C-alpha atoms as a PDB file:
ATOM      1  CA  MET A   1     -40.691  32.690 -44.808  1.00  0.00           C
ATOM      2  CA  LYS A   2     -40.677  34.577 -48.092  1.00  0.00           C
ATOM      3  CA  THR A   3     -41.509  37.826 -46.379  1.00  0.00           C
ATOM      4  CA  LEU A   4     -38.458  37.754 -44.102  1.00  0.00           C
ATOM      5  CA  LYS A   5     -35.368  39.545 -45.182  1.00  0.00           C
ATOM      6  CA  LEU A   6     -32.200  37.582 -45.890  1.00  0.00           C
ATOM      7  CA  SER A   7     -30.427  39.094 -42.875  1.00  0.00           C
ATOM      8  CA  ALA A   8     -33.238  37.928 -40.549  1.00  0.00           C
ATOM      9  CA  LYS A   9     -33.033  34.421 -42.030  1.00  0.00           C
ATOM     10  CA  ILE A  10     -29.238  34.308 -41.505  1.00  0.00           C
ATOM     11  CA  ILE A  11     -29.502  35.671 -37.943  1.00  0.00           C
ATOM     12  CA  GLY A  12     -32.303  33.172 -37.192  1.00  0.00           C
ATOM     13  CA  GLY A  13     -30.191  30.295 -38.571  1.00  0.00           C
ATOM     14  CA  PHE A  14     -27.203  31.330 -36.476  1.00  0.00           C
ATOM     15  CA  GLY A  15     -29.500  31.690 -33.447  1.00  0.00           C
ATOM     16  CA  ILE A  16     -30.802  28.152 -33.896  1.00  0.00           C
ATOM     17  CA  VAL A  17     -27.246  26.826 -34.281  1.00  0.00           C
ATOM     18  CA  ILE A  18     -26.158  28.717 -31.129  1.00  0.00           C
ATOM     19  CA  LEU A  19     -29.147  27.345 -29.163  1.00  0.00           C
ATOM     20  CA  LEU A  20     -28.312  23.818 -30.306  1.00  0.00           C
ATOM     21  CA  MET A  21     -24.684  24.374 -29.313  1.00  0.00           C
ATOM     22  CA  ILE A  22     -25.750  25.627 -25.861  1.00  0.00           C
ATOM     23  CA  GLY A  23     -27.935  22.514 -25.494  1.00  0.00           C
ATOM     24  CA  VAL A  24     -25.043  20.218 -26.436  1.00  0.00           C
ATOM     25  CA  ILE A  25     -22.708  22.038 -24.024  1.00  0.00           C
ATOM     26  CA  GLY A  26     -25.291  21.720 -21.233  1.00  0.00           C
ATOM     27  CA  LEU A  27     -25.743  18.006 -21.945  1.00  0.00           C
ATOM     28  CA  TYR A  28     -21.967  17.552 -21.991  1.00  0.00           C
ATOM     29  CA  GLN A  29     -21.584  19.404 -18.693  1.00  0.00           C
ATOM     30  CA  PHE A  30     -24.351  17.372 -17.048  1.00  0.00           C
ATOM     31  CA  SER A  31     -22.914  14.031 -18.177  1.00  0.00           C
ATOM     32  CA  THR A  32     -19.399  15.041 -17.109  1.00  0.00           C
ATOM     33  CA  ILE A  33     -20.577  16.027 -13.629  1.00  0.00           C
ATOM     34  CA  GLN A  34     -22.568  12.788 -13.253  1.00  0.00           C
ATOM     35  CA  THR A  35     -19.687  10.625 -14.453  1.00  0.00           C
ATOM     36  CA  THR A  36     -17.137  12.411 -12.284  1.00  0.00           C
ATOM     37  CA  GLY A  37     -19.367  12.138  -9.212  1.00  0.00           C
ATOM     38  CA  GLY A  38     -19.911   8.432  -9.772  1.00  0.00           C
ATOM     39  CA  PHE A  39     -16.216   7.866 -10.345  1.00  0.00           C
ATOM     40  CA  GLU A  40     -15.285   9.782  -7.195  1.00  0.00           C
ATOM     41  CA  GLU A  41     -17.740   7.671  -5.170  1.00  0.00           C
ATOM     42  CA  LEU A  42     -16.345   4.475  -6.663  1.00  0.00           C
ATOM     43  CA  LEU A  43     -12.790   5.635  -6.087  1.00  0.00           C
ATOM     44  CA  THR A  44     -13.574   6.561  -2.478  1.00  0.00           C
ATOM     45  CA  ASP A  45     -15.056   3.101  -1.823  1.00  0.00           C
ATOM     46  CA  GLU A  46     -12.136   1.349  -3.482  1.00  0.00           C
ATOM     47  CA  MET A  47      -9.618   3.472  -1.577  1.00  0.00           C
ATOM     48  CA  LYS A  48     -11.366   2.619   1.703  1.00  0.00           C
ATOM     49  CA  VAL A  49     -11.119  -1.100   0.931  1.00  0.00           C
ATOM     50  CA  GLU A  50      -7.470  -0.702  -0.029  1.00  0.00           C
ATOM     51  CA  GLU A  51      -6.679   1.244   3.153  1.00  0.00           C
ATOM     52  CA  ASP A  52      -8.476  -1.313   5.328  1.00  0.00           C
ATOM     53  CA  ALA A  53      -6.626  -4.151   3.604  1.00  0.00           C
ATOM     54  CA  ALA A  54      -3.295  -2.379   4.139  1.00  0.00           C
ATOM     55  CA  GLU A  55      -4.092  -1.874   7.835  1.00  0.00           C
ATOM     56  CA  ALA A  56      -5.072  -5.540   8.186  1.00  0.00           C
ATOM     57  CA  ASP A  57      -1.774  -6.501   6.552  1.00  0.00           C
ATOM     58  CA  ILE A  58       0.143  -4.322   9.005  1.00  0.00           C
ATOM     59  CA  PHE A  59      -1.645  -5.974  11.928  1.00  0.00           C
ATOM     60  CA  LEU A  60      -0.876  -9.391  10.439  1.00  0.00           C
ATOM     61  CA  GLU A  61       2.825  -8.535  10.321  1.00  0.00           C
ATOM     62  CA  ARG A  62       2.626  -7.339  13.945  1.00  0.00           C
ATOM     63  CA  ALA A  63       0.879 -10.561  14.988  1.00  0.00           C
ATOM     64  CA  LEU A  64       3.529 -12.700  13.322  1.00  0.00           C
ATOM     65  CA  ARG A  65       6.281 -10.653  14.941  1.00  0.00           C
ATOM     66  CA  ALA A  66       4.643 -10.882  18.381  1.00  0.00           C
ATOM     67  CA  LYS A  67       4.242 -14.665  18.026  1.00  0.00           C
ATOM     68  CA  SER A  68       7.900 -15.044  17.065  1.00  0.00           C
ATOM     69  CA  ASP A  69       8.996 -12.794  19.918  1.00  0.00           C
ATOM     70  CA  PHE A  70       6.897 -14.835  22.356  1.00  0.00           C
ATOM     71  CA  LEU A  71       8.473 -18.083  21.201  1.00  0.00           C
ATOM     72  CA  LEU A  72      11.972 -16.616  21.392  1.00  0.00           C
ATOM     73  CA  ARG A  73      11.687 -14.688  24.663  1.00  0.00           C
ATOM     74  CA  LYS A  74       8.837 -16.575  26.368  1.00  0.00           C
ATOM     75  CA  ASP A  75       7.381 -13.354  27.725  1.00  0.00           C
ATOM     76  CA  MET A  76       3.599 -13.044  28.062  1.00  0.00           C
ATOM     77  CA  LYS A  77       3.625  -9.406  26.936  1.00  0.00           C
ATOM     78  CA  TYR A  78       4.222 -10.683  23.398  1.00  0.00           C
ATOM     79  CA  ALA A  79       1.223 -13.006  23.677  1.00  0.00           C
ATOM     80  CA  ASP A  80      -0.866  -9.971  24.656  1.00  0.00           C
ATOM     81  CA  GLN A  81       0.539  -7.999  21.719  1.00  0.00           C
ATOM     82  CA  HIS A  82      -0.377 -10.922  19.475  1.00  0.00           C
ATOM     83  CA  LYS A  83      -3.978 -10.858  20.704  1.00  0.00           C
ATOM     84  CA  GLU A  84      -4.207  -7.095  20.097  1.00  0.00           C
ATOM     85  CA  SER A  85      -2.801  -7.505  16.592  1.00  0.00           C
ATOM     86  CA  VAL A  86      -5.242 -10.283  15.711  1.00  0.00           C
ATOM     87  CA  ASP A  87      -8.072  -8.087  17.023  1.00  0.00           C
ATOM     88  CA  GLY A  88      -6.852  -5.382  14.615  1.00  0.00           C
ATOM     89  CA  ILE A  89      -6.910  -7.832  11.711  1.00  0.00           C
ATOM     90  CA  VAL A  90     -10.469  -8.846  12.590  1.00  0.00           C
ATOM     91  CA  LYS A  91     -11.540  -5.201  12.891  1.00  0.00           C
ATOM     92  CA  TYR A  92     -10.318  -4.168   9.435  1.00  0.00           C
ATOM     93  CA  VAL A  93     -11.336  -7.327   7.595  1.00  0.00           C
ATOM     94  CA  THR A  94     -14.804  -7.092   9.164  1.00  0.00           C
ATOM     95  CA  ALA A  95     -15.044  -3.514   7.890  1.00  0.00           C
ATOM     96  CA  ILE A  96     -14.156  -4.699   4.383  1.00  0.00           C
ATOM     97  CA  ARG A  97     -16.731  -7.505   4.553  1.00  0.00           C
ATOM     98  CA  ASP A  98     -19.489  -5.204   5.787  1.00  0.00           C
ATOM     99  CA  ASN A  99     -18.744  -2.406   3.291  1.00  0.00           C
ATOM    100  CA  GLU A 100     -18.533  -4.701   0.280  1.00  0.00           C
ATOM    101  CA  LYS A 101     -21.470  -6.985   1.103  1.00  0.00           C
ATOM    102  CA  ASP A 102     -23.869  -5.259  -1.309  1.00  0.00           C
ATOM    103  CA  ASP A 103     -21.565  -3.963  -4.050  1.00  0.00           C
ATOM    104  CA  HIS A 104     -18.986  -6.750  -4.335  1.00  0.00           C
ATOM    105  CA  PRO A 105     -20.239 -10.035  -2.857  1.00  0.00           C
ATOM    106  CA  ALA A 106     -17.124 -11.902  -4.027  1.00  0.00           C
ATOM    107  CA  VAL A 107     -14.905  -9.543  -2.028  1.00  0.00           C
ATOM    108  CA  ALA A 108     -17.205  -9.890   0.990  1.00  0.00           C
ATOM    109  CA  ALA A 109     -17.037 -13.691   0.689  1.00  0.00           C
ATOM    110  CA  LYS A 110     -13.236 -13.585   0.535  1.00  0.00           C
ATOM    111  CA  ALA A 111     -13.181 -11.313   3.591  1.00  0.00           C
ATOM    112  CA  ALA A 112     -15.451 -13.761   5.455  1.00  0.00           C
ATOM    113  CA  GLU A 113     -13.045 -16.558   4.538  1.00  0.00           C
ATOM    114  CA  ILE A 114     -10.120 -14.495   5.837  1.00  0.00           C
ATOM    115  CA  LEU A 115     -12.020 -13.903   9.085  1.00  0.00           C
ATOM    116  CA  ALA A 116     -12.586 -17.642   9.518  1.00  0.00           C
ATOM    117  CA  LEU A 117      -8.914 -18.381   8.874  1.00  0.00           C
ATOM    118  CA  THR A 118      -7.894 -15.604  11.266  1.00  0.00           C
ATOM    119  CA  GLU A 119     -10.015 -17.117  14.029  1.00  0.00           C
ATOM    120  CA  GLN A 120      -8.474 -20.509  13.308  1.00  0.00           C
ATOM    121  CA  TYR A 121      -5.006 -18.932  13.514  1.00  0.00           C
ATOM    122  CA  ARG A 122      -5.918 -17.199  16.796  1.00  0.00           C
ATOM    123  CA  THR A 123      -7.126 -20.489  18.293  1.00  0.00           C
ATOM    124  CA  ARG A 124      -3.960 -22.325  17.298  1.00  0.00           C
ATOM    125  CA  VAL A 125      -1.648 -19.636  18.618  1.00  0.00           C
ATOM    126  CA  ASP A 126      -3.619 -19.534  21.881  1.00  0.00           C
ATOM    127  CA  ALA A 127      -3.131 -23.308  22.144  1.00  0.00           C
ATOM    128  CA  LEU A 128       0.584 -22.834  21.457  1.00  0.00           C
ATOM    129  CA  VAL A 129       0.827 -20.188  24.185  1.00  0.00           C
ATOM    130  CA  ALA A 130      -0.976 -22.500  26.620  1.00  0.00           C
ATOM    131  CA  ALA A 131       1.400 -25.347  25.737  1.00  0.00           C
ATOM    132  CA  VAL A 132       4.444 -23.149  26.277  1.00  0.00           C
ATOM    133  CA  GLN A 133       3.015 -22.034  29.625  1.00  0.00           C
ATOM    134  CA  THR A 134       2.465 -25.667  30.599  1.00  0.00           C
ATOM    135  CA  ILE A 135       6.058 -26.501  29.704  1.00  0.00           C
ATOM    136  CA  GLY A 136       7.182 -23.390  31.534  1.00  0.00           C
ATOM    137  CA  LEU A 137       8.107 -19.885  30.538  1.00  0.00           C
ATOM    138  CA  THR A 138      11.273 -20.086  32.655  1.00  0.00           C
ATOM    139  CA  GLU A 139      13.277 -22.966  34.040  1.00  0.00           C
ATOM    140  CA  LYS A 140      11.488 -22.588  37.386  1.00  0.00           C
ATOM    141  CA  GLU A 141       7.910 -22.652  36.068  1.00  0.00           C
ATOM    142  CA  GLY A 142       5.632 -25.341  34.699  1.00  0.00           C
ATOM    143  CA  LEU A 143       6.889 -28.803  33.822  1.00  0.00           C
ATOM    144  CA  GLN A 144      10.424 -27.508  33.528  1.00  0.00           C
ATOM    145  CA  GLY A 145      10.273 -26.309  37.129  1.00  0.00           C
ATOM    146  CA  LYS A 146       8.850 -29.611  38.351  1.00  0.00           C
ATOM    147  CA  PHE A 147      11.517 -31.549  36.472  1.00  0.00           C
ATOM    148  CA  ARG A 148      14.180 -29.278  37.891  1.00  0.00           C
ATOM    149  CA  GLU A 149      12.897 -29.752  41.422  1.00  0.00           C
ATOM    150  CA  ALA A 150      12.892 -33.506  40.909  1.00  0.00           C
ATOM    151  CA  ALA A 151      16.350 -33.561  39.318  1.00  0.00           C
ATOM    152  CA  ILE A 152      18.193 -31.316  41.800  1.00  0.00           C
ATOM    153  CA  PRO A 153      18.386 -33.978  44.548  1.00  0.00           C
ATOM    154  CA  TYR A 154      20.054 -36.349  42.067  1.00  0.00           C
ATOM    155  CA  SER A 155      22.596 -33.876  40.710  1.00  0.00           C
ATOM    156  CA  PRO A 156      25.299 -34.690  43.300  1.00  0.00           C
ATOM    157  CA  HIS A 157      25.047 -38.365  42.324  1.00  0.00           C
ATOM    158  CA  CYS A 158      25.390 -37.512  38.644  1.00  0.00           C
ATOM    159  CA  LEU A 159      28.451 -35.386  39.331  1.00  0.00           C
ATOM    160  CA  SER A 160      30.087 -38.168  41.340  1.00  0.00           C
ATOM    161  CA  MET A 161      29.589 -40.625  38.486  1.00  0.00           C
ATOM    162  CA  SER A 162      31.501 -38.583  35.997  1.00  0.00           C
END
């Protein structure tokens, strides 16, 4: 070291500092790329869950609307729309459950619970539709129609009593 000139020692010192700086910059760049990639993957997964949940919510609103329309209008096309909407709910909630099974078991468990409740809802609405069909969708169908047929012969007697 004593044989080196002062300028060589200074240049060597700056060289070592520059090499250390390049190493730190490389380490910084590597960690930034790794962190960003991991965050993008996490964000993509979370966005997918959020989108699926939003779609399931939309189908739930459609199912509720179709059920209400069926009860108000007593038209079977609304019962069919209800079935399609419930199928949409099941599709998106199943996707959430399957995608989150490994990473977020609590979310997957909640999705499984939602699926069970959705099936229970579907069964009850199907029973409601069957009951309305039994009563009669119009005044000429079902029990209403039978009651009407039985009551029509007595209507002249009822009119004469009043």
